[in-house]
Amino acid sequence: METLSLFRFGTALGLTWGGLLLLIAVLSRVTGLGIEFIRITESIFRGYGPGPLGGIIGGVWGCCVGFVLGVSMAWIYNRLSLQESGE
């Protein structure tokens, strides 16, 4: 069974989560949608809010957190797949 690259999986998840936080912040400023999501999320990510600056701050937070979660998930997957294959 193939193993996942910790760095690549972490980078992919980090960029995805960071990009989504940035996109939601900018769209909420323009359209007003997603304000409740931002209210909940800004309690976790300091500085996150609607608009470009809040989106950039949230994007950086999202990249960092997504990277750590991605590396953790890939590491767990690799460990479980090695146990299953008997290696």
N, C-alpha and C. Protein backbone atom coordinates (compact mmCIF):
# COMPACT_ATOMS: atom_id res chain seq x y z
N MET A 1 0.84 -1.17 0.00
CA MET A 1 0.00 0.00 0.00
C MET A 1 0.89 1.24 0.00
N GLU A 2 0.52 2.23 -0.77
CA GLU A 2 1.30 3.47 -0.88
C GLU A 2 1.20 4.28 0.41
N THR A 3 2.28 4.99 0.72
CA THR A 3 2.26 5.90 1.86
C THR A 3 2.09 7.33 1.35
N LEU A 4 1.61 8.18 2.22
CA LEU A 4 1.43 9.59 1.88
C LEU A 4 2.66 10.38 2.29
N SER A 5 3.01 11.36 1.49
CA SER A 5 4.08 12.29 1.84
C SER A 5 3.54 13.26 2.89
N LEU A 6 4.18 13.30 4.05
CA LEU A 6 3.71 14.17 5.13
C LEU A 6 3.72 15.63 4.69
N PHE A 7 4.84 16.06 4.08
CA PHE A 7 4.97 17.46 3.68
C PHE A 7 3.96 17.84 2.61
N ARG A 8 3.80 16.99 1.61
CA ARG A 8 2.88 17.32 0.52
C ARG A 8 1.42 17.33 0.97
N PHE A 9 1.05 16.36 1.79
CA PHE A 9 -0.32 16.31 2.27
C PHE A 9 -0.61 17.50 3.19
N GLY A 10 0.35 17.82 4.06
CA GLY A 10 0.20 18.98 4.93
C GLY A 10 0.10 20.27 4.15
N THR A 11 0.93 20.41 3.13
CA THR A 11 0.89 21.62 2.31
C THR A 11 -0.43 21.73 1.57
N ALA A 12 -0.91 20.64 1.02
CA ALA A 12 -2.18 20.66 0.29
C ALA A 12 -3.34 21.05 1.21
N LEU A 13 -3.39 20.45 2.38
CA LEU A 13 -4.47 20.76 3.31
C LEU A 13 -4.34 22.19 3.83
N GLY A 14 -3.12 22.62 4.11
CA GLY A 14 -2.91 23.98 4.59
C GLY A 14 -3.31 25.03 3.58
N LEU A 15 -2.91 24.85 2.34
CA LEU A 15 -3.27 25.81 1.30
C LEU A 15 -4.78 25.82 1.04
N THR A 16 -5.39 24.65 1.11
CA THR A 16 -6.84 24.57 0.90
C THR A 16 -7.60 25.29 2.00
N TRP A 17 -7.26 25.00 3.26
CA TRP A 17 -7.96 25.62 4.39
C TRP A 17 -7.69 27.12 4.45
N GLY A 18 -6.43 27.51 4.23
CA GLY A 18 -6.10 28.93 4.22
C GLY A 18 -6.80 29.68 3.10
N GLY A 19 -6.83 29.08 1.92
CA GLY A 19 -7.51 29.71 0.79
C GLY A 19 -9.00 29.85 1.02
N LEU A 20 -9.61 28.84 1.63
CA LEU A 20 -11.04 28.92 1.91
C LEU A 20 -11.35 30.01 2.92
N LEU A 21 -10.52 30.13 3.96
CA LEU A 21 -10.75 31.19 4.95
C LEU A 21 -10.62 32.57 4.31
N LEU A 22 -9.63 32.74 3.45
CA LEU A 22 -9.46 34.00 2.74
C LEU A 22 -10.66 34.29 1.84
N LEU A 23 -11.08 33.31 1.08
CA LEU A 23 -12.21 33.48 0.17
C LEU A 23 -13.49 33.82 0.92
N ILE A 24 -13.76 33.13 2.01
CA ILE A 24 -14.97 33.39 2.79
C ILE A 24 -14.95 34.80 3.37
N ALA A 25 -13.78 35.24 3.85
CA ALA A 25 -13.68 36.59 4.43
C ALA A 25 -13.96 37.66 3.39
N VAL A 26 -13.40 37.52 2.21
CA VAL A 26 -13.61 38.52 1.16
C VAL A 26 -15.06 38.48 0.66
N LEU A 27 -15.59 37.28 0.46
CA LEU A 27 -16.98 37.17 0.00
C LEU A 27 -17.97 37.69 1.04
N SER A 28 -17.67 37.51 2.31
CA SER A 28 -18.58 38.01 3.33
C SER A 28 -18.59 39.53 3.36
N ARG A 29 -17.45 40.14 3.05
CA ARG A 29 -17.40 41.61 2.98
C ARG A 29 -18.21 42.12 1.79
N VAL A 30 -18.13 41.40 0.68
CA VAL A 30 -18.80 41.85 -0.55
C VAL A 30 -20.30 41.54 -0.51
N THR A 31 -20.65 40.32 -0.11
CA THR A 31 -22.05 39.88 -0.21
C THR A 31 -22.78 39.82 1.13
N GLY A 32 -22.05 39.79 2.23
CA GLY A 32 -22.69 39.65 3.53
C GLY A 32 -22.96 38.21 3.93
N LEU A 33 -22.63 37.28 3.06
CA LEU A 33 -22.83 35.86 3.37
C LEU A 33 -21.66 35.35 4.20
N GLY A 34 -21.92 34.41 5.08
CA GLY A 34 -20.86 33.79 5.85
C GLY A 34 -20.48 34.53 7.12
N ILE A 35 -21.26 35.53 7.51
CA ILE A 35 -20.93 36.31 8.70
C ILE A 35 -20.96 35.44 9.95
N GLU A 36 -21.92 34.54 10.07
CA GLU A 36 -21.98 33.66 11.24
C GLU A 36 -20.76 32.75 11.31
N PHE A 37 -20.34 32.24 10.16
CA PHE A 37 -19.13 31.40 10.13
C PHE A 37 -17.93 32.20 10.62
N ILE A 38 -17.83 33.45 10.17
CA ILE A 38 -16.70 34.29 10.58
C ILE A 38 -16.77 34.60 12.06
N ARG A 39 -17.94 34.85 12.59
CA ARG A 39 -18.07 35.13 14.03
C ARG A 39 -17.60 33.94 14.86
N ILE A 40 -17.93 32.75 14.42
CA ILE A 40 -17.49 31.55 15.14
C ILE A 40 -15.99 31.35 14.97
N THR A 41 -15.51 31.49 13.75
CA THR A 41 -14.12 31.20 13.44
C THR A 41 -13.17 32.24 14.01
N GLU A 42 -13.60 33.51 14.12
CA GLU A 42 -12.71 34.53 14.64
C GLU A 42 -12.43 34.34 16.13
N SER A 43 -13.25 33.54 16.81
CA SER A 43 -12.96 33.23 18.21
C SER A 43 -11.81 32.23 18.32
N ILE A 44 -11.51 31.54 17.24
CA ILE A 44 -10.41 30.57 17.22
C ILE A 44 -9.16 31.21 16.64
N PHE A 45 -9.31 31.93 15.54
CA PHE A 45 -8.17 32.54 14.83
C PHE A 45 -8.13 34.04 15.10
N ARG A 46 -7.22 34.46 15.95
CA ARG A 46 -7.10 35.87 16.33
C ARG A 46 -6.80 36.74 15.11
N GLY A 47 -7.58 37.80 14.92
CA GLY A 47 -7.37 38.72 13.82
C GLY A 47 -8.20 38.43 12.58
N TYR A 48 -8.85 37.27 12.55
CA TYR A 48 -9.66 36.90 11.39
C TYR A 48 -10.95 37.70 11.40
N GLY A 49 -11.37 38.16 10.24
CA GLY A 49 -12.61 38.90 10.14
C GLY A 49 -12.96 39.13 8.69
N PRO A 50 -14.12 39.75 8.45
CA PRO A 50 -14.52 40.02 7.07
C PRO A 50 -13.62 41.08 6.45
N GLY A 51 -13.34 40.92 5.18
CA GLY A 51 -12.51 41.88 4.47
C GLY A 51 -11.15 41.33 4.10
N PRO A 52 -10.41 42.08 3.30
CA PRO A 52 -9.12 41.59 2.81
C PRO A 52 -8.08 41.36 3.91
N LEU A 53 -7.93 42.31 4.84
CA LEU A 53 -6.91 42.15 5.88
C LEU A 53 -7.25 40.97 6.80
N GLY A 54 -8.50 40.90 7.24
CA GLY A 54 -8.92 39.78 8.07
C GLY A 54 -8.80 38.46 7.33
N GLY A 55 -9.05 38.50 6.02
CA GLY A 55 -8.92 37.30 5.21
C GLY A 55 -7.48 36.83 5.10
N ILE A 56 -6.56 37.78 4.96
CA ILE A 56 -5.14 37.41 4.88
C ILE A 56 -4.68 36.82 6.21
N ILE A 57 -5.08 37.46 7.31
CA ILE A 57 -4.72 36.93 8.63
C ILE A 57 -5.30 35.53 8.81
N GLY A 58 -6.57 35.36 8.45
CA GLY A 58 -7.20 34.05 8.54
C GLY A 58 -6.56 33.04 7.61
N GLY A 59 -6.15 33.50 6.43
CA GLY A 59 -5.48 32.61 5.49
C GLY A 59 -4.16 32.08 6.03
N VAL A 60 -3.41 32.96 6.70
CA VAL A 60 -2.15 32.52 7.30
C VAL A 60 -2.41 31.53 8.43
N TRP A 61 -3.38 31.85 9.29
CA TRP A 61 -3.76 30.91 10.34
C TRP A 61 -4.20 29.57 9.74
N GLY A 62 -5.03 29.64 8.71
CA GLY A 62 -5.54 28.42 8.08
C GLY A 62 -4.43 27.59 7.47
N CYS A 63 -3.46 28.24 6.85
CA CYS A 63 -2.32 27.50 6.28
C CYS A 63 -1.54 26.77 7.36
N CYS A 64 -1.30 27.46 8.46
CA CYS A 64 -0.52 26.85 9.56
C CYS A 64 -1.28 25.68 10.19
N VAL A 65 -2.52 25.93 10.54
CA VAL A 65 -3.32 24.88 11.18
C VAL A 65 -3.58 23.73 10.22
N GLY A 66 -3.90 24.04 8.98
CA GLY A 66 -4.13 23.00 7.98
C GLY A 66 -2.90 22.15 7.73
N PHE A 67 -1.72 22.79 7.72
CA PHE A 67 -0.48 22.05 7.53
C PHE A 67 -0.26 21.06 8.67
N VAL A 68 -0.42 21.53 9.90
CA VAL A 68 -0.22 20.65 11.06
C VAL A 68 -1.23 19.50 11.04
N LEU A 69 -2.48 19.81 10.76
CA LEU A 69 -3.49 18.75 10.70
C LEU A 69 -3.22 17.78 9.55
N GLY A 70 -2.80 18.30 8.41
CA GLY A 70 -2.49 17.44 7.27
C GLY A 70 -1.34 16.50 7.55
N VAL A 71 -0.28 17.02 8.16
CA VAL A 71 0.86 16.17 8.52
C VAL A 71 0.42 15.11 9.52
N SER A 72 -0.38 15.51 10.50
CA SER A 72 -0.86 14.54 11.50
C SER A 72 -1.73 13.46 10.87
N MET A 73 -2.62 13.86 9.98
CA MET A 73 -3.49 12.89 9.33
C MET A 73 -2.70 11.93 8.45
N ALA A 74 -1.73 12.46 7.70
CA ALA A 74 -0.91 11.60 6.84
C ALA A 74 -0.07 10.65 7.67
N TRP A 75 0.46 11.13 8.78
CA TRP A 75 1.27 10.27 9.66
C TRP A 75 0.42 9.13 10.22
N ILE A 76 -0.79 9.45 10.69
CA ILE A 76 -1.69 8.41 11.22
C ILE A 76 -2.05 7.42 10.11
N TYR A 77 -2.37 7.92 8.93
CA TYR A 77 -2.71 7.05 7.81
C TYR A 77 -1.55 6.11 7.50
N ASN A 78 -0.33 6.66 7.43
CA ASN A 78 0.83 5.83 7.12
C ASN A 78 1.05 4.76 8.18
N ARG A 79 0.90 5.11 9.43
CA ARG A 79 1.08 4.12 10.51
C ARG A 79 0.03 3.02 10.42
N LEU A 80 -1.21 3.39 10.20
CA LEU A 80 -2.27 2.39 10.12
C LEU A 80 -2.12 1.51 8.88
N SER A 81 -1.69 2.08 7.78
CA SER A 81 -1.53 1.27 6.57
C SER A 81 -0.35 0.32 6.69
N LEU A 82 0.69 0.71 7.43
CA LEU A 82 1.82 -0.19 7.65
C LEU A 82 1.42 -1.35 8.55
N GLN A 83 0.59 -1.08 9.56
CA GLN A 83 0.13 -2.15 10.44
C GLN A 83 -0.75 -3.14 9.68
N GLU A 84 -1.58 -2.62 8.80
CA GLU A 84 -2.48 -3.47 8.03
C GLU A 84 -1.72 -4.39 7.09
N SER A 85 -0.64 -3.86 6.49
CA SER A 85 0.11 -4.67 5.54
C SER A 85 1.11 -5.59 6.24
N GLY A 86 1.28 -5.41 7.54
CA GLY A 86 2.16 -6.30 8.30
C GLY A 86 3.62 -5.93 8.27
N GLU A 87 3.96 -4.73 7.87
CA GLU A 87 5.36 -4.31 7.82
C GLU A 87 5.81 -3.71 9.11
